[in-house]
Amino acid sequence: MVDQKNHINGIENFWNQTKRHMRRFNGIPATHFYLYLKECEWRFNTPQPKLQQTQLIQWAKTHLR
C-alpha cells in the first residue's frame, strides 16, 4: 500500500504548484529562493484560503507589535 504523504504524485504536485507560483516573479534572487520555497510549502500544506488568512492575521498580531 502507498503511503499518501510520501507518494511521488504528491511531490510532483508540490513542484508543479511551486513552479507555477514562482513563474509570476520572472526569476528570483538565489539568495531569497529558500524564502519563496518556504512560502510555497506553507501554501501547499495550508490550501484553504480562510485558514491562510487566519494564520497570517495571527502571525501579524504576534510578531508585529
C-alpha atoms as a PDB file:
ATOM      1  CA  MET A   1       0.000   0.000   0.000  1.00  0.00           C
ATOM      2  CA  VAL A   2       1.202   3.501  -0.823  1.00  0.00           C
ATOM      3  CA  ASP A   3       1.756   5.993   1.989  1.00  0.00           C
ATOM      4  CA  GLN A   4      -0.162   9.082   0.838  1.00  0.00           C
ATOM      5  CA  LYS A   5       2.213  11.555   2.498  1.00  0.00           C
ATOM      6  CA  ASN A   6       5.299  10.319   0.672  1.00  0.00           C
ATOM      7  CA  HIS A   7       3.893   9.256  -2.670  1.00  0.00           C
ATOM      8  CA  ILE A   8       5.698  10.561  -5.761  1.00  0.00           C
ATOM      9  CA  ASN A   9       2.481  12.141  -7.063  1.00  0.00           C
ATOM     10  CA  GLY A  10       2.357  14.402  -4.009  1.00  0.00           C
ATOM     11  CA  ILE A  11       5.930  15.538  -4.594  1.00  0.00           C
ATOM     12  CA  GLU A  12       5.270  16.178  -8.294  1.00  0.00           C
ATOM     13  CA  ASN A  13       2.112  18.092  -7.406  1.00  0.00           C
ATOM     14  CA  PHE A  14       4.084  20.290  -4.994  1.00  0.00           C
ATOM     15  CA  TRP A  15       6.778  21.088  -7.579  1.00  0.00           C
ATOM     16  CA  ASN A  16       4.229  21.821 -10.304  1.00  0.00           C
ATOM     17  CA  GLN A  17       2.372  24.170  -7.987  1.00  0.00           C
ATOM     18  CA  THR A  18       5.637  25.790  -6.879  1.00  0.00           C
ATOM     19  CA  LYS A  19       6.882  26.360 -10.423  1.00  0.00           C
ATOM     20  CA  ARG A  20       3.535  27.852 -11.433  1.00  0.00           C
ATOM     21  CA  HIS A  21       3.605  30.225  -8.430  1.00  0.00           C
ATOM     22  CA  MET A  22       7.219  31.313  -8.980  1.00  0.00           C
ATOM     23  CA  ARG A  23       6.748  31.980 -12.707  1.00  0.00           C
ATOM     24  CA  ARG A  24       4.908  35.172 -11.808  1.00  0.00           C
ATOM     25  CA  PHE A  25       8.099  36.695 -10.474  1.00  0.00           C
ATOM     26  CA  ASN A  26      10.114  36.236 -13.696  1.00  0.00           C
ATOM     27  CA  GLY A  27      13.080  34.977 -11.739  1.00  0.00           C
ATOM     28  CA  ILE A  28      14.011  35.390  -8.118  1.00  0.00           C
ATOM     29  CA  PRO A  29      17.344  36.118  -6.452  1.00  0.00           C
ATOM     30  CA  ALA A  30      19.162  32.950  -5.450  1.00  0.00           C
ATOM     31  CA  THR A  31      19.739  34.406  -2.000  1.00  0.00           C
ATOM     32  CA  HIS A  32      15.975  34.534  -1.373  1.00  0.00           C
ATOM     33  CA  PHE A  33      14.989  31.281  -3.063  1.00  0.00           C
ATOM     34  CA  TYR A  34      14.548  29.429   0.227  1.00  0.00           C
ATOM     35  CA  LEU A  35      12.026  32.065   1.392  1.00  0.00           C
ATOM     36  CA  TYR A  36       9.948  31.657  -1.756  1.00  0.00           C
ATOM     37  CA  LEU A  37      10.172  27.896  -1.358  1.00  0.00           C
ATOM     38  CA  LYS A  38       9.016  28.097   2.281  1.00  0.00           C
ATOM     39  CA  GLU A  39       6.058  30.243   1.209  1.00  0.00           C
ATOM     40  CA  CYS A  40       5.129  27.654  -1.414  1.00  0.00           C
ATOM     41  CA  GLU A  41       5.456  24.898   1.170  1.00  0.00           C
ATOM     42  CA  TRP A  42       3.121  26.783   3.520  1.00  0.00           C
ATOM     43  CA  ARG A  43       0.590  27.409   0.734  1.00  0.00           C
ATOM     44  CA  PHE A  44       0.721  23.740  -0.287  1.00  0.00           C
ATOM     45  CA  ASN A  45       0.242  22.482   3.283  1.00  0.00           C
ATOM     46  CA  THR A  46      -2.474  25.066   4.041  1.00  0.00           C
ATOM     47  CA  PRO A  47      -4.647  25.018   0.916  1.00  0.00           C
ATOM     48  CA  GLN A  48      -7.741  26.681   2.426  1.00  0.00           C
ATOM     49  CA  PRO A  49      -7.610  30.477   1.872  1.00  0.00           C
ATOM     50  CA  LYS A  50      -9.644  31.159   5.025  1.00  0.00           C
ATOM     51  CA  LEU A  51      -7.138  29.225   7.145  1.00  0.00           C
ATOM     52  CA  GLN A  52      -4.243  31.032   5.432  1.00  0.00           C
ATOM     53  CA  GLN A  53      -5.848  34.367   6.256  1.00  0.00           C
ATOM     54  CA  THR A  54      -6.398  33.339   9.887  1.00  0.00           C
ATOM     55  CA  GLN A  55      -2.770  32.254  10.235  1.00  0.00           C
ATOM     56  CA  LEU A  56      -1.437  35.448   8.643  1.00  0.00           C
ATOM     57  CA  ILE A  57      -3.530  37.622  10.952  1.00  0.00           C
ATOM     58  CA  GLN A  58      -2.362  35.646  13.980  1.00  0.00           C
ATOM     59  CA  TRP A  59       1.297  35.899  12.919  1.00  0.00           C
ATOM     60  CA  ALA A  60       0.944  39.634  12.335  1.00  0.00           C
ATOM     61  CA  LYS A  61      -0.574  40.142  15.790  1.00  0.00           C
ATOM     62  CA  THR A  62       2.167  38.061  17.390  1.00  0.00           C
ATOM     63  CA  HIS A  63       5.218  39.412  15.557  1.00  0.00           C
ATOM     64  CA  LEU A  64       4.328  42.983  14.565  1.00  0.00           C
ATOM     65  CA  ARG A  65       3.698  44.559  17.930  1.00  0.00           C
END
